[in-house]
Amino acid sequence: MVLEIGNRYILRRFFSGLLAFLLSITLTFFLLRSLPGDYMTDLLLEIGRYAPPELVASFKHEVGLDLPLPKQYLLYLTGILKGNWGHSFEYGLPVFSLIREKLYWTLVLLLPSTLLSAGLGIGLGACSGWKNGSKTDAFLLHSLVFVGAVPSYCWGFAGLFIFSFRLGLLPFGGYVSLPSTEPAGLFRHALLPVLTLTLCSVPGIYYLMRNSMLDTLGEDYILAARARGFSESRILFQHALPNSVLPVLTMTSLHCAHMLAGSVFIETVFAWPGLGLLTFSALEAHDLPLLQGIFLVDTLLTIIANLTADLLYPLIDPRIRSRIRGE
């Protein structure tokens, strides 16, 4: 891969990703500390109607929240480099181990929904773009505009109402209390959240694929292929589709990281014990170490997905590869 792409290109993308990571965690650190309220005050107010200032101050001193912000920031960066992400206020557990456990359950939803939404979005977008102006194109376009306009949590509630309440086919909650070694129970609990995530993710990929297909059909090599008498199916599968799918590669690689943030609503609706539900709980409790760890994982996944797309793109498109070699 290094020989095909070039060392300079890889190093440039790596350092740009590193800079984006540093900027992201810096903004996250200061934005979280600008939020109103704090963990101990909220906890005391839940227990009673009064939060003793001395108890709140003692807690802040114990966890280092009374230190100047620059010093807190340096301690935060040092902890990241050492692999110490701190301890959750709410759960009293190391942040890293807590996120690792919840990330597993989130990936149970994200991986199949990403594959399904990518396949459906690319297939429907290619069909719609190829049949531009037809009744099929109009039906797909208007249907997916409607699907994309409805919030994900509304589709989640609709799925629960139809398949759980009315038909009784699936569990009401997505929470799986069964061991992961029982695939049948896990499948029944995960099916509705996966289908909801897939449904909400298809429109974005569809729009990009349809527009990319329309642009590709106007290229000279498509006109040349038709002039040479190639069949429509050969033009579609050998010329139009491979070149149209290139822009979708970047979006698909970023899609999993994007869905990780969007899973907050889905996991909350279905009570799924993943990173999305954990994010909601951490926001409610003002659990700063846990929120910092979650946003750190989101940032890492997004940057890794972006770097992966940047490295794969030249390998797939020879035009970009030749441009990189010419730099």
C-alpha atoms as a PDB file:
ATOM      1  CA  MET A   1       0.000   0.000   0.000  1.00  0.00           C
ATOM      2  CA  VAL A   2       2.826   2.380   0.825  1.00  0.00           C
ATOM      3  CA  LEU A   3       4.433   1.818  -2.556  1.00  0.00           C
ATOM      4  CA  GLU A   4       1.120   2.277  -4.372  1.00  0.00           C
ATOM      5  CA  ILE A   5       0.154   5.509  -2.623  1.00  0.00           C
ATOM      6  CA  GLY A   6       3.404   7.141  -1.583  1.00  0.00           C
ATOM      7  CA  ASN A   7       5.020   7.957   1.752  1.00  0.00           C
ATOM      8  CA  ARG A   8       4.407  11.694   1.517  1.00  0.00           C
ATOM      9  CA  TYR A   9       0.697  11.245   0.982  1.00  0.00           C
ATOM     10  CA  ILE A  10       0.390   8.859   3.950  1.00  0.00           C
ATOM     11  CA  LEU A  11       2.404  11.115   6.269  1.00  0.00           C
ATOM     12  CA  ARG A  12       0.394  14.165   5.229  1.00  0.00           C
ATOM     13  CA  ARG A  13      -2.889  12.410   5.950  1.00  0.00           C
ATOM     14  CA  PHE A  14      -1.561  11.048   9.247  1.00  0.00           C
ATOM     15  CA  PHE A  15      -0.468  14.456  10.548  1.00  0.00           C
ATOM     16  CA  SER A  16      -3.699  16.097   9.429  1.00  0.00           C
ATOM     17  CA  GLY A  17      -5.591  13.415  11.359  1.00  0.00           C
ATOM     18  CA  LEU A  18      -3.398  13.990  14.414  1.00  0.00           C
ATOM     19  CA  LEU A  19      -4.044  17.742  14.258  1.00  0.00           C
ATOM     20  CA  ALA A  20      -7.791  17.151  13.940  1.00  0.00           C
ATOM     21  CA  PHE A  21      -7.642  14.828  16.960  1.00  0.00           C
ATOM     22  CA  LEU A  22      -5.865  17.394  19.127  1.00  0.00           C
ATOM     23  CA  LEU A  23      -8.255  20.173  18.121  1.00  0.00           C
ATOM     24  CA  SER A  24     -11.268  17.964  18.753  1.00  0.00           C
ATOM     25  CA  ILE A  25     -10.302  16.800  22.235  1.00  0.00           C
ATOM     26  CA  THR A  26      -9.309  20.362  23.162  1.00  0.00           C
ATOM     27  CA  LEU A  27     -12.688  21.758  22.114  1.00  0.00           C
ATOM     28  CA  THR A  28     -14.454  18.889  23.874  1.00  0.00           C
ATOM     29  CA  PHE A  29     -12.527  19.499  27.103  1.00  0.00           C
ATOM     30  CA  PHE A  30     -13.376  23.196  27.332  1.00  0.00           C
ATOM     31  CA  LEU A  31     -16.963  22.870  26.064  1.00  0.00           C
ATOM     32  CA  LEU A  32     -17.815  20.210  28.640  1.00  0.00           C
ATOM     33  CA  ARG A  33     -16.514  22.425  31.425  1.00  0.00           C
ATOM     34  CA  SER A  34     -18.638  25.320  30.213  1.00  0.00           C
ATOM     35  CA  LEU A  35     -21.854  23.326  30.746  1.00  0.00           C
ATOM     36  CA  PRO A  36     -24.018  24.530  33.663  1.00  0.00           C
ATOM     37  CA  GLY A  37     -24.255  22.378  36.770  1.00  0.00           C
ATOM     38  CA  ASP A  38     -21.965  19.693  38.154  1.00  0.00           C
ATOM     39  CA  TYR A  39     -22.221  16.076  39.251  1.00  0.00           C
ATOM     40  CA  MET A  40     -22.175  16.518  43.036  1.00  0.00           C
ATOM     41  CA  THR A  41     -24.660  19.413  43.118  1.00  0.00           C
ATOM     42  CA  ASP A  42     -27.136  17.523  40.933  1.00  0.00           C
ATOM     43  CA  LEU A  43     -26.745  14.364  43.031  1.00  0.00           C
ATOM     44  CA  LEU A  44     -27.357  16.196  46.308  1.00  0.00           C
ATOM     45  CA  LEU A  45     -30.373  17.999  44.904  1.00  0.00           C
ATOM     46  CA  GLU A  46     -31.837  14.646  43.845  1.00  0.00           C
ATOM     47  CA  ILE A  47     -31.424  13.295  47.365  1.00  0.00           C
ATOM     48  CA  GLY A  48     -32.694  16.420  49.137  1.00  0.00           C
ATOM     49  CA  ARG A  49     -33.420  20.061  48.485  1.00  0.00           C
ATOM     50  CA  TYR A  50     -30.082  21.431  49.596  1.00  0.00           C
ATOM     51  CA  ALA A  51     -26.525  21.013  48.337  1.00  0.00           C
ATOM     52  CA  PRO A  52     -24.024  22.024  51.055  1.00  0.00           C
ATOM     53  CA  PRO A  53     -21.370  24.229  49.400  1.00  0.00           C
ATOM     54  CA  GLU A  54     -18.598  22.764  51.537  1.00  0.00           C
ATOM     55  CA  LEU A  55     -19.461  19.221  50.392  1.00  0.00           C
ATOM     56  CA  VAL A  56     -19.517  20.301  46.742  1.00  0.00           C
ATOM     57  CA  ALA A  57     -16.184  22.098  47.171  1.00  0.00           C
ATOM     58  CA  SER A  58     -14.672  19.031  48.850  1.00  0.00           C
ATOM     59  CA  PHE A  59     -15.722  16.808  45.950  1.00  0.00           C
ATOM     60  CA  LYS A  60     -14.295  19.222  43.373  1.00  0.00           C
ATOM     61  CA  HIS A  61     -11.008  19.328  45.272  1.00  0.00           C
ATOM     62  CA  GLU A  62     -10.860  15.534  45.454  1.00  0.00           C
ATOM     63  CA  VAL A  63     -11.317  15.050  41.690  1.00  0.00           C
ATOM     64  CA  GLY A  64      -9.243  18.090  40.690  1.00  0.00           C
ATOM     65  CA  LEU A  65     -12.059  20.262  39.349  1.00  0.00           C
ATOM     66  CA  ASP A  66     -10.919  23.184  41.500  1.00  0.00           C
ATOM     67  CA  LEU A  67      -7.594  23.415  39.667  1.00  0.00           C
ATOM     68  CA  PRO A  68      -7.035  26.105  37.002  1.00  0.00           C
ATOM     69  CA  LEU A  69      -8.342  25.040  33.585  1.00  0.00           C
ATOM     70  CA  PRO A  70      -4.888  24.998  31.916  1.00  0.00           C
ATOM     71  CA  LYS A  71      -3.616  22.615  34.597  1.00  0.00           C
ATOM     72  CA  GLN A  72      -6.704  20.426  34.267  1.00  0.00           C
ATOM     73  CA  TYR A  73      -6.131  20.326  30.520  1.00  0.00           C
ATOM     74  CA  LEU A  74      -2.494  19.288  30.883  1.00  0.00           C
ATOM     75  CA  LEU A  75      -3.469  16.541  33.344  1.00  0.00           C
ATOM     76  CA  TYR A  76      -6.127  15.390  30.880  1.00  0.00           C
ATOM     77  CA  LEU A  77      -3.622  15.170  27.983  1.00  0.00           C
ATOM     78  CA  THR A  78      -1.091  13.395  30.198  1.00  0.00           C
ATOM     79  CA  GLY A  79      -3.719  10.875  31.262  1.00  0.00           C
ATOM     80  CA  ILE A  80      -4.637  10.143  27.628  1.00  0.00           C
ATOM     81  CA  LEU A  81      -0.987   9.532  26.722  1.00  0.00           C
ATOM     82  CA  LYS A  82      -0.595   7.202  29.725  1.00  0.00           C
ATOM     83  CA  GLY A  83      -3.795   5.335  28.951  1.00  0.00           C
ATOM     84  CA  ASN A  84      -5.481   6.642  32.101  1.00  0.00           C
ATOM     85  CA  TRP A  85      -8.881   8.080  31.143  1.00  0.00           C
ATOM     86  CA  GLY A  86      -9.963   8.616  34.741  1.00  0.00           C
ATOM     87  CA  HIS A  87     -12.831   7.148  36.765  1.00  0.00           C
ATOM     88  CA  SER A  88     -16.531   7.704  36.177  1.00  0.00           C
ATOM     89  CA  PHE A  89     -18.254   9.794  38.843  1.00  0.00           C
ATOM     90  CA  GLU A  90     -21.527   7.930  38.391  1.00  0.00           C
ATOM     91  CA  TYR A  91     -20.301   4.332  38.155  1.00  0.00           C
ATOM     92  CA  GLY A  92     -17.026   4.517  40.097  1.00  0.00           C
ATOM     93  CA  LEU A  93     -15.292   2.416  37.427  1.00  0.00           C
ATOM     94  CA  PRO A  94     -12.367   3.160  35.091  1.00  0.00           C
ATOM     95  CA  VAL A  95     -13.696   5.032  32.073  1.00  0.00           C
ATOM     96  CA  PHE A  96     -11.769   2.961  29.560  1.00  0.00           C
ATOM     97  CA  SER A  97     -13.062  -0.407  30.782  1.00  0.00           C
ATOM     98  CA  LEU A  98     -16.619   0.936  31.009  1.00  0.00           C
ATOM     99  CA  ILE A  99     -16.538   2.278  27.439  1.00  0.00           C
ATOM    100  CA  ARG A 100     -14.937  -0.905  26.119  1.00  0.00           C
ATOM    101  CA  GLU A 101     -17.765  -3.005  27.554  1.00  0.00           C
ATOM    102  CA  LYS A 102     -20.500  -0.739  26.149  1.00  0.00           C
ATOM    103  CA  LEU A 103     -18.772  -0.341  22.787  1.00  0.00           C
ATOM    104  CA  TYR A 104     -19.143  -4.065  22.193  1.00  0.00           C
ATOM    105  CA  TRP A 105     -22.939  -3.829  22.411  1.00  0.00           C
ATOM    106  CA  THR A 106     -23.006  -0.734  20.205  1.00  0.00           C
ATOM    107  CA  LEU A 107     -20.980  -2.513  17.526  1.00  0.00           C
ATOM    108  CA  VAL A 108     -23.546  -5.331  17.598  1.00  0.00           C
ATOM    109  CA  LEU A 109     -25.971  -2.753  16.176  1.00  0.00           C
ATOM    110  CA  LEU A 110     -23.621  -0.623  14.092  1.00  0.00           C
ATOM    111  CA  LEU A 111     -21.789  -3.227  12.032  1.00  0.00           C
ATOM    112  CA  PRO A 112     -24.827  -4.978  10.493  1.00  0.00           C
ATOM    113  CA  SER A 113     -26.761  -1.723  10.073  1.00  0.00           C
ATOM    114  CA  THR A 114     -23.793  -0.097   8.325  1.00  0.00           C
ATOM    115  CA  LEU A 115     -23.427  -3.000   5.893  1.00  0.00           C
ATOM    116  CA  LEU A 116     -27.167  -3.150   5.228  1.00  0.00           C
ATOM    117  CA  SER A 117     -27.587   0.605   4.772  1.00  0.00           C
ATOM    118  CA  ALA A 118     -24.538   0.819   2.498  1.00  0.00           C
ATOM    119  CA  GLY A 119     -25.788  -2.015   0.305  1.00  0.00           C
ATOM    120  CA  LEU A 120     -29.340  -0.672   0.110  1.00  0.00           C
ATOM    121  CA  GLY A 121     -28.255   2.946  -0.377  1.00  0.00           C
ATOM    122  CA  ILE A 122     -25.817   2.092  -3.171  1.00  0.00           C
ATOM    123  CA  GLY A 123     -28.264  -0.261  -4.902  1.00  0.00           C
ATOM    124  CA  LEU A 124     -31.270   2.069  -4.716  1.00  0.00           C
ATOM    125  CA  GLY A 125     -29.190   5.135  -5.624  1.00  0.00           C
ATOM    126  CA  ALA A 126     -27.681   3.419  -8.652  1.00  0.00           C
ATOM    127  CA  CYS A 127     -31.116   2.242  -9.803  1.00  0.00           C
ATOM    128  CA  SER A 128     -32.632   5.689  -9.321  1.00  0.00           C
ATOM    129  CA  GLY A 129     -29.800   7.497 -11.115  1.00  0.00           C
ATOM    130  CA  TRP A 130     -29.749   4.999 -13.987  1.00  0.00           C
ATOM    131  CA  LYS A 131     -33.515   5.426 -14.465  1.00  0.00           C
ATOM    132  CA  ASN A 132     -33.483   9.167 -13.950  1.00  0.00           C
ATOM    133  CA  GLY A 133     -36.849  10.780 -14.698  1.00  0.00           C
ATOM    134  CA  SER A 134     -38.774   7.510 -14.624  1.00  0.00           C
ATOM    135  CA  LYS A 135     -41.582   6.538 -12.270  1.00  0.00           C
ATOM    136  CA  THR A 136     -39.158   4.307 -10.384  1.00  0.00           C
ATOM    137  CA  ASP A 137     -36.793   7.241  -9.825  1.00  0.00           C
ATOM    138  CA  ALA A 138     -39.620   9.493  -8.648  1.00  0.00           C
ATOM    139  CA  PHE A 139     -40.976   6.835  -6.269  1.00  0.00           C
ATOM    140  CA  LEU A 140     -37.577   6.115  -4.715  1.00  0.00           C
ATOM    141  CA  LEU A 141     -36.652   9.783  -4.418  1.00  0.00           C
ATOM    142  CA  HIS A 142     -39.885  10.864  -2.729  1.00  0.00           C
ATOM    143  CA  SER A 143     -39.974   7.809  -0.472  1.00  0.00           C
ATOM    144  CA  LEU A 144     -36.444   8.310   0.813  1.00  0.00           C
ATOM    145  CA  VAL A 145     -36.950  12.048   1.245  1.00  0.00           C
ATOM    146  CA  PHE A 146     -39.847  11.151   3.542  1.00  0.00           C
ATOM    147  CA  VAL A 147     -37.795   8.531   5.395  1.00  0.00           C
ATOM    148  CA  GLY A 148     -34.927  10.977   5.928  1.00  0.00           C
ATOM    149  CA  ALA A 149     -37.255  13.744   7.130  1.00  0.00           C
ATOM    150  CA  VAL A 150     -38.638  11.694  10.036  1.00  0.00           C
ATOM    151  CA  PRO A 151     -36.393  11.649  13.160  1.00  0.00           C
ATOM    152  CA  SER A 152     -34.822   8.321  14.046  1.00  0.00           C
ATOM    153  CA  TYR A 153     -36.525   8.090  17.436  1.00  0.00           C
ATOM    154  CA  CYS A 154     -39.924   8.403  15.719  1.00  0.00           C
ATOM    155  CA  TRP A 155     -39.131   5.395  13.549  1.00  0.00           C
ATOM    156  CA  GLY A 156     -38.015   3.587  16.703  1.00  0.00           C
ATOM    157  CA  PHE A 157     -41.298   4.264  18.509  1.00  0.00           C
ATOM    158  CA  ALA A 158     -43.245   3.309  15.377  1.00  0.00           C
ATOM    159  CA  GLY A 159     -41.375  -0.003  15.183  1.00  0.00           C
ATOM    160  CA  LEU A 160     -42.066  -0.735  18.854  1.00  0.00           C
ATOM    161  CA  PHE A 161     -45.747   0.085  18.426  1.00  0.00           C
ATOM    162  CA  ILE A 162     -46.210  -2.126  15.352  1.00  0.00           C
ATOM    163  CA  PHE A 163     -43.938  -5.100  15.943  1.00  0.00           C
ATOM    164  CA  SER A 164     -43.941  -5.249  19.741  1.00  0.00           C
ATOM    165  CA  PHE A 165     -47.234  -3.789  20.947  1.00  0.00           C
ATOM    166  CA  ARG A 166     -49.602  -4.662  18.091  1.00  0.00           C
ATOM    167  CA  LEU A 167     -48.100  -7.831  16.612  1.00  0.00           C
ATOM    168  CA  GLY A 168     -46.110  -9.063  19.620  1.00  0.00           C
ATOM    169  CA  LEU A 169     -43.345 -10.389  17.395  1.00  0.00           C
ATOM    170  CA  LEU A 170     -40.361  -8.679  19.023  1.00  0.00           C
ATOM    171  CA  PRO A 171     -39.379  -7.630  22.570  1.00  0.00           C
ATOM    172  CA  PHE A 172     -40.363  -4.158  23.756  1.00  0.00           C
ATOM    173  CA  GLY A 173     -36.867  -3.342  24.993  1.00  0.00           C
ATOM    174  CA  GLY A 174     -33.667  -3.801  23.105  1.00  0.00           C
ATOM    175  CA  TYR A 175     -31.865  -4.579  26.332  1.00  0.00           C
ATOM    176  CA  VAL A 176     -30.444  -8.081  26.130  1.00  0.00           C
ATOM    177  CA  SER A 177     -30.079  -9.802  29.469  1.00  0.00           C
ATOM    178  CA  LEU A 178     -29.078 -13.032  27.796  1.00  0.00           C
ATOM    179  CA  PRO A 179     -25.449 -14.153  27.410  1.00  0.00           C
ATOM    180  CA  SER A 180     -23.871 -13.312  24.089  1.00  0.00           C
ATOM    181  CA  THR A 181     -23.572 -17.082  23.496  1.00  0.00           C
ATOM    182  CA  GLU A 182     -27.321 -17.272  22.848  1.00  0.00           C
ATOM    183  CA  PRO A 183     -27.555 -15.933  19.277  1.00  0.00           C
ATOM    184  CA  ALA A 184     -31.316 -16.471  18.933  1.00  0.00           C
ATOM    185  CA  GLY A 185     -32.152 -14.248  21.900  1.00  0.00           C
ATOM    186  CA  LEU A 186     -29.587 -11.661  20.882  1.00  0.00           C
ATOM    187  CA  PHE A 187     -30.980 -11.621  17.333  1.00  0.00           C
ATOM    188  CA  ARG A 188     -34.554 -11.010  18.527  1.00  0.00           C
ATOM    189  CA  HIS A 189     -33.483  -8.152  20.799  1.00  0.00           C
ATOM    190  CA  ALA A 190     -31.181  -6.526  18.242  1.00  0.00           C
ATOM    191  CA  LEU A 191     -33.366  -6.914  15.143  1.00  0.00           C
ATOM    192  CA  LEU A 192     -35.589  -3.862  15.630  1.00  0.00           C
ATOM    193  CA  PRO A 193     -32.772  -1.446  16.604  1.00  0.00           C
ATOM    194  CA  VAL A 194     -30.678  -2.650  13.641  1.00  0.00           C
ATOM    195  CA  LEU A 195     -33.570  -2.215  11.207  1.00  0.00           C
ATOM    196  CA  THR A 196     -34.311   1.259  12.593  1.00  0.00           C
ATOM    197  CA  LEU A 197     -30.685   2.362  12.270  1.00  0.00           C
ATOM    198  CA  THR A 198     -30.543   0.919   8.757  1.00  0.00           C
ATOM    199  CA  LEU A 199     -33.732   2.677   7.685  1.00  0.00           C
ATOM    200  CA  CYS A 200     -32.526   6.049   8.994  1.00  0.00           C
ATOM    201  CA  SER A 201     -29.109   5.688   7.351  1.00  0.00           C
ATOM    202  CA  VAL A 202     -30.150   4.657   3.831  1.00  0.00           C
ATOM    203  CA  PRO A 203     -31.325   8.121   2.593  1.00  0.00           C
ATOM    204  CA  GLY A 204     -27.940   9.837   2.957  1.00  0.00           C
ATOM    205  CA  ILE A 205     -26.108   7.132   0.999  1.00  0.00           C
ATOM    206  CA  TYR A 206     -28.920   7.007  -1.567  1.00  0.00           C
ATOM    207  CA  TYR A 207     -28.743  10.771  -2.288  1.00  0.00           C
ATOM    208  CA  LEU A 208     -24.971  10.666  -2.802  1.00  0.00           C
ATOM    209  CA  MET A 209     -25.087   7.539  -4.973  1.00  0.00           C
ATOM    210  CA  ARG A 210     -27.912   8.886  -7.137  1.00  0.00           C
ATOM    211  CA  ASN A 211     -26.137  12.216  -7.746  1.00  0.00           C
ATOM    212  CA  SER A 212     -22.854  10.424  -8.419  1.00  0.00           C
ATOM    213  CA  MET A 213     -24.553   8.146 -10.937  1.00  0.00           C
ATOM    214  CA  LEU A 214     -26.115  11.137 -12.713  1.00  0.00           C
ATOM    215  CA  ASP A 215     -22.712  12.834 -12.965  1.00  0.00           C
ATOM    216  CA  THR A 216     -21.073   9.647 -14.248  1.00  0.00           C
ATOM    217  CA  LEU A 217     -23.692   9.101 -16.953  1.00  0.00           C
ATOM    218  CA  GLY A 218     -22.721  12.434 -18.491  1.00  0.00           C
ATOM    219  CA  GLU A 219     -19.039  11.502 -18.824  1.00  0.00           C
ATOM    220  CA  ASP A 220     -17.449  11.040 -22.240  1.00  0.00           C
ATOM    221  CA  TYR A 221     -16.465   7.414 -21.659  1.00  0.00           C
ATOM    222  CA  ILE A 222     -20.128   6.481 -21.083  1.00  0.00           C
ATOM    223  CA  LEU A 223     -21.082   8.126 -24.374  1.00  0.00           C
ATOM    224  CA  ALA A 224     -18.165   6.379 -26.064  1.00  0.00           C
ATOM    225  CA  ALA A 225     -19.257   2.995 -24.672  1.00  0.00           C
ATOM    226  CA  ARG A 226     -22.769   3.502 -26.018  1.00  0.00           C
ATOM    227  CA  ALA A 227     -21.408   4.592 -29.388  1.00  0.00           C
ATOM    228  CA  ARG A 228     -19.395   1.366 -29.580  1.00  0.00           C
ATOM    229  CA  GLY A 229     -22.604  -0.623 -29.171  1.00  0.00           C
ATOM    230  CA  PHE A 230     -22.056  -1.982 -25.660  1.00  0.00           C
ATOM    231  CA  SER A 231     -25.155  -3.345 -23.964  1.00  0.00           C
ATOM    232  CA  GLU A 232     -26.817  -1.232 -21.267  1.00  0.00           C
ATOM    233  CA  SER A 233     -26.108  -3.827 -18.596  1.00  0.00           C
ATOM    234  CA  ARG A 234     -22.397  -3.859 -19.501  1.00  0.00           C
ATOM    235  CA  ILE A 235     -22.238  -0.066 -19.403  1.00  0.00           C
ATOM    236  CA  LEU A 236     -23.965  -0.039 -16.018  1.00  0.00           C
ATOM    237  CA  PHE A 237     -21.930  -2.720 -14.248  1.00  0.00           C
ATOM    238  CA  GLN A 238     -18.521  -2.252 -15.909  1.00  0.00           C
ATOM    239  CA  HIS A 239     -18.379   1.514 -16.386  1.00  0.00           C
ATOM    240  CA  ALA A 240     -21.056   3.549 -14.603  1.00  0.00           C
ATOM    241  CA  LEU A 241     -21.384   1.706 -11.301  1.00  0.00           C
ATOM    242  CA  PRO A 242     -17.668   1.269 -10.425  1.00  0.00           C
ATOM    243  CA  ASN A 243     -16.960   4.959 -11.034  1.00  0.00           C
ATOM    244  CA  SER A 244     -20.139   6.194  -9.349  1.00  0.00           C
ATOM    245  CA  VAL A 245     -19.444   4.281  -6.156  1.00  0.00           C
ATOM    246  CA  LEU A 246     -16.117   6.033  -5.494  1.00  0.00           C
ATOM    247  CA  PRO A 247     -17.550   9.096  -3.687  1.00  0.00           C
ATOM    248  CA  VAL A 248     -19.768   6.794  -1.634  1.00  0.00           C
ATOM    249  CA  LEU A 249     -16.652   5.071  -0.276  1.00  0.00           C
ATOM    250  CA  THR A 250     -15.731   8.094   1.814  1.00  0.00           C
ATOM    251  CA  MET A 251     -19.238   8.475   3.171  1.00  0.00           C
ATOM    252  CA  THR A 252     -19.562   4.778   3.965  1.00  0.00           C
ATOM    253  CA  SER A 253     -16.272   4.725   5.854  1.00  0.00           C
ATOM    254  CA  LEU A 254     -17.403   7.706   7.915  1.00  0.00           C
ATOM    255  CA  HIS A 255     -20.885   6.298   8.266  1.00  0.00           C
ATOM    256  CA  CYS A 256     -20.098   3.952  11.139  1.00  0.00           C
ATOM    257  CA  ALA A 257     -18.584   6.783  13.190  1.00  0.00           C
ATOM    258  CA  HIS A 258     -21.560   9.016  12.363  1.00  0.00           C
ATOM    259  CA  MET A 259     -24.009   6.302  13.380  1.00  0.00           C
ATOM    260  CA  LEU A 260     -22.166   5.946  16.678  1.00  0.00           C
ATOM    261  CA  ALA A 261     -23.282   9.450  17.593  1.00  0.00           C
ATOM    262  CA  GLY A 262     -26.765   8.933  16.180  1.00  0.00           C
ATOM    263  CA  SER A 263     -27.227   5.715  18.151  1.00  0.00           C
ATOM    264  CA  VAL A 264     -27.866   7.783  21.293  1.00  0.00           C
ATOM    265  CA  PHE A 265     -31.538   8.171  20.327  1.00  0.00           C
ATOM    266  CA  ILE A 266     -31.944   4.586  19.101  1.00  0.00           C
ATOM    267  CA  GLU A 267     -30.310   3.016  22.148  1.00  0.00           C
ATOM    268  CA  THR A 268     -32.337   5.237  24.472  1.00  0.00           C
ATOM    269  CA  VAL A 269     -35.625   4.293  22.775  1.00  0.00           C
ATOM    270  CA  PHE A 270     -34.822   0.571  22.870  1.00  0.00           C
ATOM    271  CA  ALA A 271     -32.944   0.639  26.223  1.00  0.00           C
ATOM    272  CA  TRP A 272     -29.984  -0.977  24.495  1.00  0.00           C
ATOM    273  CA  PRO A 273     -26.950  -1.221  26.830  1.00  0.00           C
ATOM    274  CA  GLY A 274     -24.471   0.387  24.453  1.00  0.00           C
ATOM    275  CA  LEU A 275     -22.422   3.531  24.149  1.00  0.00           C
ATOM    276  CA  GLY A 276     -25.389   5.649  23.073  1.00  0.00           C
ATOM    277  CA  LEU A 277     -27.379   4.932  26.227  1.00  0.00           C
ATOM    278  CA  LEU A 278     -24.223   5.421  28.281  1.00  0.00           C
ATOM    279  CA  THR A 279     -23.760   8.859  26.671  1.00  0.00           C
ATOM    280  CA  PHE A 280     -27.308   9.842  27.605  1.00  0.00           C
ATOM    281  CA  SER A 281     -26.760   8.732  31.215  1.00  0.00           C
ATOM    282  CA  ALA A 282     -23.439  10.579  31.425  1.00  0.00           C
ATOM    283  CA  LEU A 283     -25.027  13.789  30.113  1.00  0.00           C
ATOM    284  CA  GLU A 284     -27.817  13.552  32.673  1.00  0.00           C
ATOM    285  CA  ALA A 285     -25.357  13.033  35.521  1.00  0.00           C
ATOM    286  CA  HIS A 286     -22.735  15.583  34.335  1.00  0.00           C
ATOM    287  CA  ASP A 287     -20.156  12.789  34.485  1.00  0.00           C
ATOM    288  CA  LEU A 288     -17.214  14.703  32.978  1.00  0.00           C
ATOM    289  CA  PRO A 289     -14.594  11.894  32.860  1.00  0.00           C
ATOM    290  CA  LEU A 290     -17.057   9.540  31.207  1.00  0.00           C
ATOM    291  CA  LEU A 291     -18.217  12.156  28.688  1.00  0.00           C
ATOM    292  CA  GLN A 292     -14.607  12.982  27.826  1.00  0.00           C
ATOM    293  CA  GLY A 293     -13.873   9.296  27.244  1.00  0.00           C
ATOM    294  CA  ILE A 294     -16.950   8.795  25.057  1.00  0.00           C
ATOM    295  CA  PHE A 295     -16.183  11.830  22.890  1.00  0.00           C
ATOM    296  CA  LEU A 296     -12.559  10.687  22.691  1.00  0.00           C
ATOM    297  CA  VAL A 297     -13.713   7.343  21.254  1.00  0.00           C
ATOM    298  CA  ASP A 298     -16.062   9.117  18.832  1.00  0.00           C
ATOM    299  CA  THR A 299     -13.199  11.322  17.653  1.00  0.00           C
ATOM    300  CA  LEU A 300     -10.800   8.401  17.218  1.00  0.00           C
ATOM    301  CA  LEU A 301     -13.322   6.358  15.240  1.00  0.00           C
ATOM    302  CA  THR A 302     -14.151   9.289  12.967  1.00  0.00           C
ATOM    303  CA  ILE A 303     -10.501  10.092  12.265  1.00  0.00           C
ATOM    304  CA  ILE A 304      -9.587   6.431  11.697  1.00  0.00           C
ATOM    305  CA  ALA A 305     -12.511   6.072   9.285  1.00  0.00           C
ATOM    306  CA  ASN A 306     -11.434   9.229   7.451  1.00  0.00           C
ATOM    307  CA  LEU A 307      -7.820   8.045   7.195  1.00  0.00           C
ATOM    308  CA  THR A 308      -8.983   4.651   5.935  1.00  0.00           C
ATOM    309  CA  ALA A 309     -11.011   6.308   3.201  1.00  0.00           C
ATOM    310  CA  ASP A 310      -8.088   8.566   2.253  1.00  0.00           C
ATOM    311  CA  LEU A 311      -5.819   5.523   1.898  1.00  0.00           C
ATOM    312  CA  LEU A 312      -8.311   3.386  -0.021  1.00  0.00           C
ATOM    313  CA  TYR A 313      -9.403   6.075  -2.449  1.00  0.00           C
ATOM    314  CA  PRO A 314      -6.107   6.226  -4.423  1.00  0.00           C
ATOM    315  CA  LEU A 315      -5.974   2.443  -4.585  1.00  0.00           C
ATOM    316  CA  ILE A 316      -9.400   2.324  -6.225  1.00  0.00           C
ATOM    317  CA  ASP A 317      -9.215   5.393  -8.469  1.00  0.00           C
ATOM    318  CA  PRO A 318      -6.103   5.431 -10.723  1.00  0.00           C
ATOM    319  CA  ARG A 319      -6.664   9.131 -11.526  1.00  0.00           C
ATOM    320  CA  ILE A 320      -6.053  10.099  -7.900  1.00  0.00           C
ATOM    321  CA  ARG A 321      -3.079   7.725  -7.710  1.00  0.00           C
ATOM    322  CA  SER A 322      -1.426   9.331 -10.722  1.00  0.00           C
ATOM    323  CA  ARG A 323      -2.109  12.806  -9.310  1.00  0.00           C
ATOM    324  CA  ILE A 324      -0.438  11.836  -6.026  1.00  0.00           C
ATOM    325  CA  ARG A 325       2.604  10.435  -7.824  1.00  0.00           C
ATOM    326  CA  GLY A 326       2.891  13.677  -9.792  1.00  0.00           C
ATOM    327  CA  GLU A 327       3.101  15.825  -6.644  1.00  0.00           C
END
